[in-house]
Amino acid sequence: MTQSEIIEQKNALDSEKLTLQSQLDSDDYKTQKNSEYKEAGKPYPYDPVELHAKHQAWRDRINEIEDEIKRLDAIEPEEETPPTL
C-alpha cells in the first residue's frame, strides 16, 4: 500500500468517524430528555433500549475505525511508482 493510498483510507475513516461522533452529539438531547422525564416520573419520550442500542452501535463502529487507523499508521508504505509515459 502506498503512502497516498494510506492517506486516502485514513481520510475516509476520519470522515466516517466525524459523522458518527456528530450523530452521537446531536442525539445526546434524547438521553438527557429521558433522564428528565424519569426524574419527573413521566414515561420516556424515547425508547431507552432502542436509543442505547443505536448509540452503542455507533460507539462500536468508532472504536473499529480507531483500530483501523492505528493499523494503517503501522503500515510501512510501499514506494510509489511514477506513471510511465
Protein backbone atom coordinates (compact mmCIF):
# COMPACT_ATOMS: atom_id res chain seq x y z
CA MET A 1 0.00 0.00 0.00
CA THR A 2 1.42 3.35 -0.98
CA GLN A 3 1.53 6.42 1.23
CA SER A 4 -1.19 8.10 -0.84
CA GLU A 5 -3.44 5.04 -0.52
CA ILE A 6 -2.91 5.02 3.25
CA ILE A 7 -3.76 8.72 3.47
CA GLU A 8 -6.84 8.23 1.31
CA GLN A 9 -8.12 5.40 3.50
CA LYS A 10 -7.38 7.33 6.70
CA ASN A 11 -9.23 10.38 5.37
CA ALA A 12 -12.28 8.25 4.56
CA LEU A 13 -12.18 6.67 8.02
CA ASP A 14 -11.75 10.05 9.71
CA SER A 15 -14.74 11.38 7.79
CA GLU A 16 -16.90 8.44 8.85
CA LYS A 17 -15.74 8.81 12.46
CA LEU A 18 -16.62 12.51 12.49
CA THR A 19 -20.06 11.74 11.09
CA LEU A 20 -20.71 9.14 13.79
CA GLN A 21 -19.46 11.43 16.55
CA SER A 22 -21.70 14.18 15.22
CA GLN A 23 -24.67 11.80 15.26
CA LEU A 24 -23.91 10.89 18.87
CA ASP A 25 -23.59 14.54 19.85
CA SER A 26 -26.80 15.52 18.11
CA ASP A 27 -28.67 12.62 19.76
CA ASP A 28 -27.47 13.42 23.30
CA TYR A 29 -30.54 15.53 23.94
CA LYS A 30 -32.68 12.38 23.71
CA THR A 31 -30.77 10.73 26.55
CA GLN A 32 -30.98 13.95 28.57
CA LYS A 33 -34.71 14.25 27.87
CA ASN A 34 -35.25 10.64 29.04
CA SER A 35 -33.41 11.43 32.28
CA GLU A 36 -35.55 14.49 32.88
CA TYR A 37 -38.74 12.54 32.26
CA LYS A 38 -37.58 9.73 34.55
CA GLU A 39 -36.91 12.20 37.37
CA ALA A 40 -40.36 13.71 36.85
CA GLY A 41 -41.96 10.25 36.96
CA LYS A 42 -43.16 10.52 33.37
CA PRO A 43 -42.87 7.87 30.66
CA TYR A 44 -39.80 8.10 28.45
CA PRO A 45 -40.29 10.14 25.28
CA TYR A 46 -37.69 7.94 23.52
CA ASP A 47 -37.32 4.18 23.79
CA PRO A 48 -34.24 3.82 26.05
CA VAL A 49 -33.39 0.31 24.83
CA GLU A 50 -33.51 1.36 21.18
CA LEU A 51 -31.61 4.57 21.93
CA HIS A 52 -28.89 2.70 23.80
CA ALA A 53 -28.56 0.09 21.05
CA LYS A 54 -28.23 2.76 18.37
CA HIS A 55 -25.65 4.72 20.37
CA GLN A 56 -23.69 1.58 21.22
CA ALA A 57 -23.56 0.56 17.56
CA TRP A 58 -22.16 3.99 16.70
CA ARG A 59 -19.59 3.77 19.51
CA ASP A 60 -18.57 0.26 18.43
CA ARG A 61 -18.04 1.47 14.86
CA ILE A 62 -15.99 4.45 16.12
CA ASN A 63 -13.78 2.01 18.04
CA GLU A 64 -13.38 -0.14 14.92
CA ILE A 65 -12.40 2.92 12.91
CA GLU A 66 -9.83 3.96 15.52
CA ASP A 67 -8.34 0.45 15.43
CA GLU A 68 -8.20 0.53 11.63
CA ILE A 69 -6.46 3.93 11.70
CA LYS A 70 -3.87 2.52 14.13
CA ARG A 71 -3.35 -0.42 11.79
CA LEU A 72 -2.85 1.93 8.85
CA ASP A 73 -0.39 4.01 10.88
CA ALA A 74 1.70 0.89 11.46
CA ILE A 75 1.98 0.04 7.76
CA GLU A 76 5.29 0.73 6.10
CA PRO A 77 4.25 2.38 2.82
CA GLU A 78 5.43 0.96 -0.47
CA GLU A 79 7.35 3.05 -2.92
CA GLU A 80 5.11 4.95 -5.25
CA THR A 81 5.96 4.28 -8.86
CA PRO A 82 5.82 7.27 -11.15
CA PRO A 83 3.44 6.97 -14.05
CA THR A 84 5.02 5.86 -17.30
CA LEU A 85 4.54 7.97 -20.35
